[in-house]
Amino acid sequence: MSNKNLLDAINDLEAGLSTANLGNHLFKVRVKREHSGKSSGYRTIIVFKADDIAIFLFGFGKNEKENINKNELQYFKKLANDLLSLNSEQLEKAISQKALLNLENTK
């Protein structure tokens, strides 16, 4: 998945396109595969809070996995809550330590 396609997925999420709301600020968003469309592309799990934050947690090809299971969903919801509880200083520290990656600052 390219950074551009991931950033496009955030734009789709903001516009309410190609997304499924999983609860707890967690969304499943389609990401197109290079030289292909979204239907044959990837699914991503994103923590998203409008006008605040978007964090990609997981991505998978539709040909590799149909969906996430209940245990994975519960884990991602807990992780989403943990990430959303971080303040801006803690997020910046996680980015500087490369625990998180800021897509807007990468090529």
N, C-alpha and C. Protein backbone atom coordinates (compact mmCIF):
# COMPACT_ATOMS: atom_id res chain seq x y z
N MET A 1 0.84 -1.17 0.00
CA MET A 1 0.00 0.00 0.00
C MET A 1 0.89 1.23 0.00
N SER A 2 0.61 2.13 -0.88
CA SER A 2 1.41 3.35 -0.93
C SER A 2 0.88 4.37 0.07
N ASN A 3 1.75 5.28 0.49
CA ASN A 3 1.32 6.34 1.39
C ASN A 3 0.20 7.17 0.78
N LYS A 4 0.30 7.42 -0.52
CA LYS A 4 -0.75 8.19 -1.20
C LYS A 4 -2.09 7.48 -1.09
N ASN A 5 -2.10 6.18 -1.33
CA ASN A 5 -3.35 5.43 -1.24
C ASN A 5 -3.88 5.40 0.20
N LEU A 6 -2.99 5.34 1.17
CA LEU A 6 -3.42 5.39 2.57
C LEU A 6 -4.01 6.76 2.91
N LEU A 7 -3.36 7.82 2.43
CA LEU A 7 -3.90 9.16 2.66
C LEU A 7 -5.23 9.36 1.94
N ASP A 8 -5.35 8.76 0.75
CA ASP A 8 -6.64 8.80 0.03
C ASP A 8 -7.72 8.10 0.84
N ALA A 9 -7.35 7.04 1.54
CA ALA A 9 -8.31 6.32 2.38
C ALA A 9 -8.83 7.21 3.51
N ILE A 10 -7.95 8.05 4.06
CA ILE A 10 -8.37 8.99 5.10
C ILE A 10 -9.37 9.99 4.52
N ASN A 11 -9.08 10.47 3.31
CA ASN A 11 -10.02 11.38 2.65
C ASN A 11 -11.38 10.71 2.43
N ASP A 12 -11.36 9.44 2.02
CA ASP A 12 -12.60 8.69 1.85
C ASP A 12 -13.34 8.56 3.18
N LEU A 13 -12.59 8.29 4.23
CA LEU A 13 -13.20 8.16 5.55
C LEU A 13 -13.86 9.47 5.97
N GLU A 14 -13.17 10.57 5.76
CA GLU A 14 -13.74 11.88 6.09
C GLU A 14 -15.00 12.17 5.29
N ALA A 15 -15.06 11.65 4.06
CA ALA A 15 -16.22 11.86 3.20
C ALA A 15 -17.29 10.79 3.37
N GLY A 16 -17.00 9.77 4.19
CA GLY A 16 -17.96 8.70 4.42
C GLY A 16 -18.05 7.70 3.29
N LEU A 17 -17.00 7.58 2.48
CA LEU A 17 -16.97 6.67 1.34
C LEU A 17 -16.20 5.40 1.67
N SER A 18 -16.67 4.26 1.19
CA SER A 18 -15.95 2.99 1.30
C SER A 18 -15.52 2.66 2.72
N THR A 19 -16.40 2.94 3.69
CA THR A 19 -16.03 2.70 5.08
C THR A 19 -17.12 1.92 5.81
N ALA A 20 -16.70 1.25 6.87
CA ALA A 20 -17.63 0.58 7.78
C ALA A 20 -17.26 1.01 9.20
N ASN A 21 -18.23 1.55 9.93
CA ASN A 21 -18.02 1.98 11.30
C ASN A 21 -18.09 0.75 12.20
N LEU A 22 -16.99 0.45 12.90
CA LEU A 22 -16.90 -0.71 13.78
C LEU A 22 -17.14 -0.33 15.24
N GLY A 23 -17.38 0.95 15.52
CA GLY A 23 -17.58 1.42 16.88
C GLY A 23 -16.28 1.86 17.52
N ASN A 24 -16.37 2.64 18.61
CA ASN A 24 -15.18 3.11 19.35
C ASN A 24 -14.18 3.85 18.47
N HIS A 25 -14.66 4.65 17.53
CA HIS A 25 -13.79 5.40 16.61
C HIS A 25 -12.93 4.49 15.74
N LEU A 26 -13.43 3.30 15.49
CA LEU A 26 -12.72 2.31 14.69
C LEU A 26 -13.49 2.09 13.39
N PHE A 27 -12.75 2.12 12.27
CA PHE A 27 -13.38 2.00 10.96
C PHE A 27 -12.60 1.01 10.10
N LYS A 28 -13.34 0.31 9.26
CA LYS A 28 -12.73 -0.52 8.22
C LYS A 28 -12.88 0.27 6.93
N VAL A 29 -11.76 0.52 6.27
CA VAL A 29 -11.74 1.37 5.07
C VAL A 29 -11.04 0.64 3.94
N ARG A 30 -11.65 0.69 2.79
CA ARG A 30 -11.03 0.10 1.60
C ARG A 30 -9.91 0.99 1.08
N VAL A 31 -8.84 0.34 0.66
CA VAL A 31 -7.70 1.04 0.05
C VAL A 31 -7.42 0.35 -1.27
N LYS A 32 -7.31 1.16 -2.31
CA LYS A 32 -7.10 0.55 -3.62
C LYS A 32 -5.71 -0.03 -3.75
N ARG A 33 -5.64 -1.08 -4.52
CA ARG A 33 -4.37 -1.72 -4.86
C ARG A 33 -3.80 -0.98 -6.07
N GLU A 34 -2.49 -0.82 -6.10
CA GLU A 34 -1.86 -0.15 -7.24
C GLU A 34 -2.33 -0.77 -8.55
N HIS A 35 -2.69 0.06 -9.50
CA HIS A 35 -3.13 -0.36 -10.83
C HIS A 35 -4.38 -1.24 -10.78
N SER A 36 -5.22 -1.02 -9.78
CA SER A 36 -6.44 -1.80 -9.63
C SER A 36 -7.44 -0.95 -8.87
N GLY A 37 -8.60 -1.50 -8.60
CA GLY A 37 -9.63 -0.78 -7.88
C GLY A 37 -9.71 -1.17 -6.42
N LYS A 38 -10.67 -0.55 -5.71
CA LYS A 38 -10.83 -0.81 -4.28
C LYS A 38 -11.40 -2.20 -4.02
N SER A 39 -12.27 -2.68 -4.91
CA SER A 39 -12.93 -3.96 -4.64
C SER A 39 -11.93 -5.12 -4.60
N SER A 40 -10.83 -5.01 -5.33
CA SER A 40 -9.81 -6.06 -5.29
C SER A 40 -8.60 -5.64 -4.47
N GLY A 41 -8.76 -4.56 -3.72
CA GLY A 41 -7.63 -4.01 -2.98
C GLY A 41 -7.52 -4.51 -1.56
N TYR A 42 -7.23 -3.61 -0.67
CA TYR A 42 -6.96 -3.92 0.72
C TYR A 42 -8.08 -3.41 1.61
N ARG A 43 -8.14 -3.95 2.80
CA ARG A 43 -9.00 -3.45 3.85
C ARG A 43 -8.07 -2.99 4.96
N THR A 44 -8.36 -1.84 5.53
CA THR A 44 -7.55 -1.33 6.62
C THR A 44 -8.44 -1.07 7.82
N ILE A 45 -7.85 -1.19 8.99
CA ILE A 45 -8.53 -0.85 10.23
C ILE A 45 -7.88 0.44 10.72
N ILE A 46 -8.72 1.46 10.91
CA ILE A 46 -8.22 2.80 11.24
C ILE A 46 -8.93 3.34 12.48
N VAL A 47 -8.13 3.90 13.39
CA VAL A 47 -8.68 4.70 14.49
C VAL A 47 -8.86 6.10 13.91
N PHE A 48 -10.06 6.63 14.02
CA PHE A 48 -10.33 7.93 13.41
C PHE A 48 -11.23 8.76 14.30
N LYS A 49 -10.78 9.98 14.54
CA LYS A 49 -11.59 10.97 15.25
C LYS A 49 -11.54 12.22 14.39
N ALA A 50 -12.69 12.61 13.85
CA ALA A 50 -12.77 13.72 12.90
C ALA A 50 -12.07 14.97 13.42
N ASP A 51 -11.32 15.62 12.53
CA ASP A 51 -10.58 16.85 12.84
C ASP A 51 -9.57 16.67 13.97
N ASP A 52 -9.15 15.42 14.21
CA ASP A 52 -8.21 15.19 15.29
C ASP A 52 -7.11 14.21 14.91
N ILE A 53 -7.49 12.95 14.64
CA ILE A 53 -6.46 11.93 14.47
C ILE A 53 -6.95 10.79 13.57
N ALA A 54 -6.01 10.20 12.87
CA ALA A 54 -6.26 8.98 12.09
C ALA A 54 -5.02 8.12 12.21
N ILE A 55 -5.20 6.88 12.68
CA ILE A 55 -4.08 5.97 12.86
C ILE A 55 -4.44 4.63 12.22
N PHE A 56 -3.62 4.21 11.27
CA PHE A 56 -3.80 2.89 10.66
C PHE A 56 -3.29 1.84 11.63
N LEU A 57 -4.13 0.84 11.90
CA LEU A 57 -3.73 -0.22 12.81
C LEU A 57 -3.37 -1.51 12.09
N PHE A 58 -4.08 -1.80 11.01
CA PHE A 58 -3.94 -3.11 10.38
C PHE A 58 -4.41 -3.01 8.95
N GLY A 59 -3.77 -3.75 8.07
CA GLY A 59 -4.20 -3.83 6.68
C GLY A 59 -4.10 -5.25 6.18
N PHE A 60 -5.03 -5.64 5.32
CA PHE A 60 -5.01 -6.99 4.77
C PHE A 60 -5.64 -6.99 3.39
N GLY A 61 -5.12 -7.87 2.54
CA GLY A 61 -5.69 -8.05 1.21
C GLY A 61 -6.97 -8.86 1.31
N LYS A 62 -7.96 -8.47 0.54
CA LYS A 62 -9.22 -9.21 0.57
C LYS A 62 -9.00 -10.65 0.14
N ASN A 63 -8.00 -10.88 -0.71
CA ASN A 63 -7.70 -12.25 -1.15
C ASN A 63 -7.01 -13.06 -0.06
N GLU A 64 -6.49 -12.41 0.99
CA GLU A 64 -5.80 -13.09 2.08
C GLU A 64 -6.71 -13.38 3.26
N LYS A 65 -7.67 -12.50 3.48
CA LYS A 65 -8.51 -12.59 4.67
C LYS A 65 -9.83 -11.92 4.35
N GLU A 66 -10.93 -12.59 4.64
CA GLU A 66 -12.24 -12.02 4.33
C GLU A 66 -12.60 -10.87 5.26
N ASN A 67 -12.29 -11.03 6.55
CA ASN A 67 -12.65 -10.01 7.53
C ASN A 67 -11.86 -10.28 8.82
N ILE A 68 -11.96 -9.36 9.78
CA ILE A 68 -11.36 -9.61 11.08
C ILE A 68 -12.37 -10.38 11.93
N ASN A 69 -11.87 -11.16 12.88
CA ASN A 69 -12.77 -11.93 13.74
C ASN A 69 -13.12 -11.13 15.01
N LYS A 70 -13.99 -11.69 15.83
CA LYS A 70 -14.46 -10.99 17.03
C LYS A 70 -13.33 -10.68 18.00
N ASN A 71 -12.39 -11.60 18.17
CA ASN A 71 -11.26 -11.36 19.07
C ASN A 71 -10.39 -10.22 18.56
N GLU A 72 -10.13 -10.21 17.26
CA GLU A 72 -9.34 -9.12 16.68
C GLU A 72 -10.07 -7.79 16.84
N LEU A 73 -11.37 -7.78 16.62
CA LEU A 73 -12.15 -6.56 16.77
C LEU A 73 -12.06 -6.03 18.20
N GLN A 74 -12.19 -6.90 19.19
CA GLN A 74 -12.08 -6.46 20.58
C GLN A 74 -10.69 -5.91 20.88
N TYR A 75 -9.66 -6.56 20.34
CA TYR A 75 -8.29 -6.08 20.53
C TYR A 75 -8.12 -4.69 19.91
N PHE A 76 -8.60 -4.51 18.68
CA PHE A 76 -8.47 -3.22 18.00
C PHE A 76 -9.26 -2.12 18.72
N LYS A 77 -10.41 -2.46 19.28
CA LYS A 77 -11.19 -1.46 20.04
C LYS A 77 -10.43 -1.02 21.29
N LYS A 78 -9.80 -1.97 21.98
CA LYS A 78 -9.00 -1.63 23.15
C LYS A 78 -7.81 -0.78 22.75
N LEU A 79 -7.14 -1.16 21.67
CA LEU A 79 -6.00 -0.39 21.18
C LEU A 79 -6.44 1.02 20.77
N ALA A 80 -7.58 1.14 20.13
CA ALA A 80 -8.10 2.45 19.73
C ALA A 80 -8.30 3.33 20.96
N ASN A 81 -8.91 2.78 22.01
CA ASN A 81 -9.11 3.55 23.24
C ASN A 81 -7.78 3.99 23.84
N ASP A 82 -6.81 3.09 23.84
CA ASP A 82 -5.49 3.42 24.38
C ASP A 82 -4.82 4.54 23.58
N LEU A 83 -4.89 4.44 22.25
CA LEU A 83 -4.26 5.45 21.40
C LEU A 83 -4.96 6.80 21.52
N LEU A 84 -6.28 6.78 21.60
CA LEU A 84 -7.02 8.04 21.72
C LEU A 84 -6.81 8.71 23.07
N SER A 85 -6.33 7.97 24.05
CA SER A 85 -6.08 8.56 25.37
C SER A 85 -4.72 9.27 25.43
N LEU A 86 -3.88 9.08 24.41
CA LEU A 86 -2.57 9.73 24.39
C LEU A 86 -2.72 11.22 24.10
N ASN A 87 -1.91 12.02 24.76
CA ASN A 87 -1.92 13.45 24.45
C ASN A 87 -0.95 13.72 23.30
N SER A 88 -0.92 14.95 22.82
CA SER A 88 -0.10 15.28 21.65
C SER A 88 1.38 15.04 21.90
N GLU A 89 1.84 15.32 23.12
CA GLU A 89 3.26 15.08 23.45
C GLU A 89 3.59 13.59 23.38
N GLN A 90 2.70 12.76 23.89
CA GLN A 90 2.91 11.31 23.85
C GLN A 90 2.88 10.79 22.42
N LEU A 91 1.99 11.33 21.60
CA LEU A 91 1.94 10.92 20.19
C LEU A 91 3.22 11.32 19.46
N GLU A 92 3.70 12.53 19.70
CA GLU A 92 4.95 12.98 19.07
C GLU A 92 6.12 12.11 19.50
N LYS A 93 6.14 11.72 20.76
CA LYS A 93 7.21 10.84 21.25
C LYS A 93 7.14 9.49 20.55
N ALA A 94 5.93 8.95 20.39
CA ALA A 94 5.77 7.66 19.70
C ALA A 94 6.23 7.76 18.25
N ILE A 95 5.97 8.91 17.62
CA ILE A 95 6.43 9.12 16.24
C ILE A 95 7.96 9.23 16.20
N SER A 96 8.53 9.98 17.15
CA SER A 96 9.99 10.15 17.15
C SER A 96 10.70 8.82 17.44
N GLN A 97 10.06 7.94 18.21
CA GLN A 97 10.64 6.63 18.51
C GLN A 97 10.27 5.59 17.46
N LYS A 98 9.55 6.03 16.43
CA LYS A 98 9.13 5.18 15.31
C LYS A 98 8.19 4.05 15.74
N ALA A 99 7.50 4.26 16.87
CA ALA A 99 6.43 3.33 17.26
C ALA A 99 5.19 3.63 16.41
N LEU A 100 5.07 4.89 15.99
CA LEU A 100 4.05 5.33 15.03
C LEU A 100 4.77 6.05 13.90
N LEU A 101 4.16 6.05 12.74
CA LEU A 101 4.75 6.69 11.56
C LEU A 101 3.79 7.75 11.06
N ASN A 102 4.29 8.96 10.85
CA ASN A 102 3.49 10.04 10.31
C ASN A 102 3.58 9.98 8.79
N LEU A 103 2.49 9.55 8.14
CA LEU A 103 2.49 9.38 6.69
C LEU A 103 2.73 10.68 5.93
N GLU A 104 2.30 11.79 6.49
CA GLU A 104 2.46 13.06 5.81
C GLU A 104 3.92 13.49 5.74
N ASN A 105 4.76 12.90 6.58
CA ASN A 105 6.18 13.27 6.61
C ASN A 105 7.06 12.23 5.93
N THR A 106 6.46 11.27 5.23
CA THR A 106 7.25 10.25 4.55
C THR A 106 7.09 10.38 3.05
N LYS A 107 7.99 9.80 2.34
CA LYS A 107 7.93 9.81 0.86
C LYS A 107 7.63 8.42 0.39
